[in-house]
């Protein structure tokens, strides 16, 4: 199903989506109709981790802007499914699973060091102050799972809020070089009051850190999807892409080994992004001078490969990438 959607719905208009900076709502409606918003729901039959990454790689190779926006949703589904706030589950979880409610994430209080978004406990909930520099899906998603750092005990406070301008919340659109149409913004929190009934969980920073391996593994799908699309385009041009196929297979094995604790996730992610850059570069070269014109697939994939160097990155991934890129 993912291959059919990627090839027949997403990829045919991916260049125009990138040029126009607008994702057709029908893309998300198709994903919802075929059950792709509920993949992270507990007990989803047949959705093993390997199936999940195959689906994500396939959709990222169809249209990165669409897939990048849609990928944010699954963390909210998984988080809310495990939330002790059963009233919040009852309110939103079914809609999140069937795709009638779409969600994104704002992780500025959990991942950056130091955090850039703080939560202050008050009698009836929390007050949030700070910034979340990159939040995807503004104007597309209905809800945001916001993760803020408790200024008192350093715990991570997860809250679910409407994805819209609120008193104490403003958005500034960001002009990304790739994944255009994902509506990525910078959110400023200035005394945003969040009632306690919208708190989905409070976890220690140590427990949150333990959960990040899976997310870093999943985010490798962006680079792998771009690589696989570039390989397909090379083959269509009659170029021998077998060396890139072999490298892609090894890169996926490295990512899987990292998830199982047999390799370093930072090194595996760095390898995947470097491969995306090299494969996209090969496509630009094979395509020739037409790749210098804006609006063609080779040029878009080159920018998208660059996007994966830093999108969903971490300091360790950056260091591993710089070391790989500096090798003779």
Protein backbone atom coordinates (compact mmCIF):
# COMPACT_ATOMS: atom_id res chain seq x y z
CA UNK A 1 0.00 0.00 0.00
CA UNK A 2 2.83 2.39 0.85
CA UNK A 3 4.51 1.71 -2.49
CA UNK A 4 1.27 2.33 -4.35
CA UNK A 5 0.71 5.63 -2.56
CA UNK A 6 4.33 6.72 -3.01
CA UNK A 7 4.42 5.94 -6.73
CA UNK A 8 0.89 6.94 -7.79
CA UNK A 9 -0.03 9.75 -5.38
CA UNK A 10 3.08 11.34 -3.84
CA UNK A 11 5.98 11.13 -6.31
CA UNK A 12 4.15 12.34 -9.46
CA UNK A 13 3.57 15.76 -7.84
CA UNK A 14 6.54 15.90 -5.43
CA UNK A 15 8.43 18.44 -7.55
CA UNK A 16 5.41 20.74 -7.76
CA UNK A 17 4.73 20.36 -4.02
CA UNK A 18 8.32 21.44 -3.40
CA UNK A 19 8.05 24.36 -5.82
CA UNK A 20 4.67 25.57 -4.56
CA UNK A 21 5.40 24.96 -0.88
CA UNK A 22 1.98 23.42 -0.32
CA UNK A 23 1.04 19.80 0.32
CA UNK A 24 -2.37 18.80 -1.08
CA UNK A 25 -4.68 17.84 1.75
CA UNK A 26 -5.63 14.81 -0.33
CA UNK A 27 -2.19 13.34 0.46
CA UNK A 28 -3.03 13.20 4.15
CA UNK A 29 -6.59 12.06 3.46
CA UNK A 30 -5.24 9.12 1.43
CA UNK A 31 -2.86 8.13 4.22
CA UNK A 32 -5.70 8.32 6.73
CA UNK A 33 -8.12 6.34 4.56
CA UNK A 34 -5.61 3.50 4.23
CA UNK A 35 -4.82 3.34 7.95
CA UNK A 36 -1.39 4.94 7.92
CA UNK A 37 -2.08 7.27 10.85
CA UNK A 38 -2.52 4.39 13.28
CA UNK A 39 0.74 2.51 12.66
CA UNK A 40 2.13 3.37 16.10
CA UNK A 41 -1.01 2.30 17.96
CA UNK A 42 -0.39 -0.55 20.45
CA UNK A 43 -1.38 -3.95 19.11
CA UNK A 44 -1.51 -2.86 15.47
CA UNK A 45 -1.43 -6.25 13.78
CA UNK A 46 1.50 -6.93 11.47
CA UNK A 47 3.24 -3.59 12.03
CA UNK A 48 6.64 -4.80 13.19
CA UNK A 49 9.53 -2.32 13.45
CA UNK A 50 10.89 -3.56 10.11
CA UNK A 51 7.52 -3.00 8.44
CA UNK A 52 7.30 0.45 9.98
CA UNK A 53 10.67 1.56 8.61
CA UNK A 54 9.94 0.05 5.17
CA UNK A 55 6.72 2.09 5.04
CA UNK A 56 8.44 5.27 6.18
CA UNK A 57 11.37 4.90 3.77
CA UNK A 58 8.95 4.29 0.92
CA UNK A 59 6.83 7.35 1.70
CA UNK A 60 9.90 9.56 2.26
CA UNK A 61 11.05 8.54 -1.20
CA UNK A 62 7.67 9.53 -2.59
CA UNK A 63 7.44 13.04 -1.12
CA UNK A 64 9.64 14.10 1.77
CA UNK A 65 7.48 17.10 2.67
CA UNK A 66 4.40 14.90 3.09
CA UNK A 67 6.19 12.07 4.88
CA UNK A 68 8.15 14.39 7.20
CA UNK A 69 4.92 16.06 8.31
CA UNK A 70 3.11 12.73 8.73
CA UNK A 71 6.00 11.13 10.66
CA UNK A 72 5.61 13.57 13.56
CA UNK A 73 2.14 12.14 14.23
CA UNK A 74 3.31 8.72 15.42
CA UNK A 75 5.15 9.97 18.47
CA UNK A 76 1.93 11.57 19.68
CA UNK A 77 -0.07 8.37 19.10
CA UNK A 78 2.47 6.27 20.99
CA UNK A 79 2.79 8.83 23.78
CA UNK A 80 -0.91 9.29 24.32
CA UNK A 81 -1.56 5.52 24.14
CA UNK A 82 0.76 5.11 27.12
CA UNK A 83 -0.48 8.16 29.02
CA UNK A 84 -1.91 7.85 32.53
CA UNK A 85 -4.37 10.61 31.54
CA UNK A 86 -7.23 8.35 30.44
CA UNK A 87 -9.59 11.29 29.95
CA UNK A 88 -7.16 12.77 27.39
CA UNK A 89 -6.91 9.38 25.72
CA UNK A 90 -10.68 9.13 25.47
CA UNK A 91 -10.83 12.61 24.00
CA UNK A 92 -8.24 12.27 21.24
CA UNK A 93 -6.72 8.80 20.75
CA UNK A 94 -9.35 7.28 18.45
CA UNK A 95 -9.23 10.32 16.17
CA UNK A 96 -5.43 10.25 16.11
CA UNK A 97 -5.44 6.57 15.13
CA UNK A 98 -7.94 6.95 12.29
CA UNK A 99 -6.37 10.21 11.04
CA UNK A 100 -9.38 12.44 11.55
CA UNK A 101 -7.19 14.24 14.09
CA UNK A 102 -3.61 15.04 13.04
CA UNK A 103 -0.77 15.88 15.39
CA UNK A 104 2.76 17.21 15.52
CA UNK A 105 5.45 17.60 18.16
CA UNK A 106 7.47 20.38 19.79
CA UNK A 107 10.43 18.89 21.67
CA UNK A 108 12.40 21.98 22.64
CA UNK A 109 12.15 21.29 26.36
CA UNK A 110 13.31 17.71 26.07
CA UNK A 111 16.08 17.38 23.47
CA UNK A 112 18.23 20.56 23.18
CA UNK A 113 21.05 21.08 25.68
CA UNK A 114 20.31 23.40 27.33
CA UNK A 115 16.52 23.24 26.90
CA UNK A 116 14.82 26.21 25.25
CA UNK A 117 11.29 25.63 26.59
CA UNK A 118 10.45 25.61 30.29
CA UNK A 119 7.40 24.64 32.33
CA UNK A 120 6.48 26.23 35.66
CA UNK A 121 4.01 24.35 37.84
CA UNK A 122 1.02 26.34 39.09
CA UNK A 123 -2.08 25.30 41.02
CA UNK A 124 -4.18 24.34 38.00
CA UNK A 125 -1.46 23.15 35.58
CA UNK A 126 1.67 24.63 34.01
CA UNK A 127 2.85 27.88 32.47
CA UNK A 128 5.20 27.53 29.47
CA UNK A 129 7.91 30.02 28.48
CA UNK A 130 10.60 29.87 25.82
CA UNK A 131 10.88 28.88 22.17
CA UNK A 132 10.55 25.74 20.09
CA UNK A 133 12.73 26.52 17.05
CA UNK A 134 11.41 23.90 14.58
CA UNK A 135 7.81 22.71 14.73
CA UNK A 136 6.38 21.00 11.67
CA UNK A 137 2.80 20.97 10.41
CA UNK A 138 1.52 24.35 11.59
CA UNK A 139 -1.80 24.92 9.84
CA UNK A 140 -1.89 21.23 8.84
CA UNK A 141 -2.12 19.42 12.17
CA UNK A 142 -4.82 19.84 14.80
CA UNK A 143 -2.82 19.13 17.94
CA UNK A 144 0.72 19.55 19.25
CA UNK A 145 2.42 17.43 21.84
CA UNK A 146 4.67 19.97 23.53
CA UNK A 147 7.55 18.78 25.71
CA UNK A 148 8.82 21.35 28.21
CA UNK A 149 11.43 21.09 30.97
CA UNK A 150 10.17 21.59 34.53
CA UNK A 151 12.22 24.45 35.91
CA UNK A 152 12.06 22.99 39.44
CA UNK A 153 12.93 19.29 39.16
CA UNK A 154 14.24 18.96 35.55
CA UNK A 155 11.50 16.49 34.58
CA UNK A 156 9.95 16.47 31.11
CA UNK A 157 6.34 17.69 30.98
CA UNK A 158 4.33 16.51 27.96
CA UNK A 159 1.17 18.47 27.18
CA UNK A 160 -1.36 18.30 24.35
CA UNK A 161 -2.51 21.69 23.04
CA UNK A 162 -4.41 22.93 19.98
CA UNK A 163 -2.07 23.72 17.06
CA UNK A 164 -3.26 27.29 16.60
CA UNK A 165 -2.42 30.79 17.81
CA UNK A 166 -3.24 31.05 21.50
CA UNK A 167 -2.78 33.64 24.18
CA UNK A 168 0.89 33.28 24.99
CA UNK A 169 1.75 31.36 21.79
CA UNK A 170 2.86 32.83 18.45
CA UNK A 171 4.32 31.27 15.29
CA UNK A 172 6.91 32.49 12.79
CA UNK A 173 7.13 30.65 9.45
CA UNK A 174 10.57 29.31 8.50
CA UNK A 175 11.76 29.19 4.85
CA UNK A 176 13.27 25.70 4.70
CA UNK A 177 15.57 24.65 1.83
CA UNK A 178 13.68 21.34 1.53
CA UNK A 179 10.49 19.64 2.72
CA UNK A 180 8.69 22.78 1.58
CA UNK A 181 5.03 22.61 2.35
CA UNK A 182 5.66 21.01 5.75
CA UNK A 183 4.76 24.38 7.29
CA UNK A 184 7.64 24.36 9.76
CA UNK A 185 7.56 27.29 12.18
CA UNK A 186 9.33 28.74 15.20
CA UNK A 187 6.97 28.85 18.17
CA UNK A 188 7.36 31.41 20.94
CA UNK A 189 5.80 30.61 24.31
CA UNK A 190 5.21 33.65 26.48
CA UNK A 191 3.31 32.61 29.58
CA UNK A 192 1.13 30.01 27.84
CA UNK A 193 -1.18 28.55 30.49
CA UNK A 194 -1.88 24.83 30.07
CA UNK A 195 -4.51 23.29 32.37
CA UNK A 196 -3.61 20.08 34.18
CA UNK A 197 -6.18 18.05 32.24
CA UNK A 198 -4.07 18.57 29.07
CA UNK A 199 -0.93 17.07 30.65
CA UNK A 200 -0.38 13.68 29.04
CA UNK A 201 2.67 12.64 31.09
CA UNK A 202 5.51 13.81 33.30
CA UNK A 203 8.71 11.74 33.04
CA UNK A 204 12.24 12.06 34.34
CA UNK A 205 14.87 13.34 31.94
CA UNK A 206 16.68 10.00 32.36
CA UNK A 207 13.62 7.99 31.29
CA UNK A 208 13.05 10.31 28.34
CA UNK A 209 16.64 9.85 27.20
CA UNK A 210 16.19 6.07 27.21
CA UNK A 211 13.33 6.41 24.72
CA UNK A 212 15.35 8.37 22.15
CA UNK A 213 17.15 5.46 20.48
CA UNK A 214 13.98 4.32 18.71
CA UNK A 215 13.20 7.85 17.51
CA UNK A 216 16.71 8.34 16.12
CA UNK A 217 16.42 4.99 14.33
CA UNK A 218 13.06 5.97 12.80
CA UNK A 219 14.39 9.33 11.63
CA UNK A 220 17.04 7.53 9.59
CA UNK A 221 14.18 6.67 7.21
CA UNK A 222 14.38 10.14 5.68
CA UNK A 223 17.92 9.63 4.38
CA UNK A 224 17.23 6.03 3.36
CA UNK A 225 14.07 7.01 1.48
CA UNK A 226 15.90 9.73 -0.47
CA UNK A 227 18.71 7.29 -1.26
CA UNK A 228 16.30 4.69 -2.60
CA UNK A 229 14.50 7.27 -4.75
CA UNK A 230 17.81 8.49 -6.17
CA UNK A 231 18.77 4.88 -6.95
CA UNK A 232 15.48 4.40 -8.83
CA UNK A 233 16.11 7.56 -10.83
CA UNK A 234 19.66 6.46 -11.66
CA UNK A 235 18.37 3.12 -12.90
CA UNK A 236 15.79 4.90 -15.05
CA UNK A 237 18.68 6.76 -16.69
CA UNK A 238 20.45 3.49 -17.43
CA UNK A 239 23.16 4.03 -14.83
CA UNK A 240 24.56 1.00 -13.00
CA UNK A 241 23.24 1.65 -9.49
CA UNK A 242 24.26 -1.71 -8.00
CA UNK A 243 27.07 -0.18 -5.87
CA UNK A 244 24.58 2.24 -4.32
CA UNK A 245 22.08 -0.59 -3.76
CA UNK A 246 24.72 -2.56 -1.88
CA UNK A 247 25.66 0.47 0.21
CA UNK A 248 22.00 1.16 0.99
CA UNK A 249 21.53 -2.42 2.18
CA UNK A 250 24.56 -2.08 4.46
CA UNK A 251 23.35 1.26 5.78
CA UNK A 252 19.98 -0.24 6.70
CA UNK A 253 21.72 -3.19 8.42
CA UNK A 254 23.81 -0.71 10.42
CA UNK A 255 20.69 1.19 11.52
CA UNK A 256 19.01 -2.05 12.57
CA UNK A 257 22.12 -3.17 14.44
CA UNK A 258 22.12 0.15 16.31
CA UNK A 259 18.52 -0.39 17.42
CA UNK A 260 19.53 -3.81 18.76
CA UNK A 261 22.52 -2.35 20.62
CA UNK A 262 25.14 -3.88 18.31
CA UNK A 263 26.27 -0.57 16.76
CA UNK A 264 26.29 3.14 17.50
CA UNK A 265 23.14 4.93 16.34
CA UNK A 266 25.01 8.19 15.71
CA UNK A 267 27.44 6.48 13.35
CA UNK A 268 24.62 4.62 11.58
CA UNK A 269 22.62 7.81 11.11
CA UNK A 270 25.71 9.63 9.82
CA UNK A 271 26.38 6.87 7.32
CA UNK A 272 22.79 7.01 6.05
CA UNK A 273 22.87 10.77 5.50
CA UNK A 274 26.28 10.68 3.84
CA UNK A 275 24.99 7.99 1.49
CA UNK A 276 21.94 10.12 0.66
CA UNK A 277 24.25 13.00 -0.26
CA UNK A 278 26.48 10.82 -2.44
CA UNK A 279 23.59 9.09 -4.20
CA UNK A 280 21.81 12.39 -4.89
CA UNK A 281 25.13 13.81 -6.14
CA UNK A 282 25.46 10.86 -8.52
CA UNK A 283 21.96 11.53 -9.83
CA UNK A 284 22.73 15.22 -10.42
CA UNK A 285 25.88 14.20 -12.28
CA UNK A 286 24.11 11.58 -14.38
CA UNK A 287 21.24 13.92 -15.19
CA UNK A 288 23.58 16.60 -16.41
CA UNK A 289 23.11 20.33 -16.82
CA UNK A 290 19.32 20.13 -16.51
CA UNK A 291 19.90 19.43 -12.80
CA UNK A 292 21.00 23.04 -12.43
CA UNK A 293 17.46 24.21 -13.12
CA UNK A 294 15.19 24.62 -10.14
CA UNK A 295 12.17 22.37 -9.99
CA UNK A 296 13.54 19.03 -11.18
CA UNK A 297 13.74 15.81 -9.21
CA UNK A 298 17.55 15.57 -9.07
CA UNK A 299 17.88 19.11 -7.76
CA UNK A 300 15.14 18.49 -5.18
CA UNK A 301 16.68 15.25 -3.94
CA UNK A 302 20.04 17.01 -3.56
CA UNK A 303 18.44 19.60 -1.26
CA UNK A 304 16.49 16.93 0.60
CA UNK A 305 19.65 14.91 1.17
CA UNK A 306 21.23 18.05 2.62
CA UNK A 307 18.16 18.42 4.85
CA UNK A 308 18.83 15.01 6.42
CA UNK A 309 22.30 16.09 7.54
CA UNK A 310 20.77 18.18 10.31
CA UNK A 311 17.01 17.47 10.51
CA UNK A 312 16.22 15.37 13.59
CA UNK A 313 19.93 15.47 14.37
CA UNK A 314 21.79 15.23 17.66
CA UNK A 315 25.28 16.44 18.65
CA UNK A 316 26.70 12.90 18.39
CA UNK A 317 25.29 12.49 14.86
CA UNK A 318 26.76 15.84 13.85
CA UNK A 319 30.19 14.82 15.16
CA UNK A 320 30.03 11.48 13.37
CA UNK A 321 29.01 13.17 10.13
CA UNK A 322 31.77 15.76 10.32
CA UNK A 323 34.29 12.98 10.86
CA UNK A 324 32.97 10.99 7.87
CA UNK A 325 32.84 14.04 5.61
CA UNK A 326 36.39 15.00 6.53
CA UNK A 327 37.90 11.66 5.54
CA UNK A 328 40.28 11.61 2.59
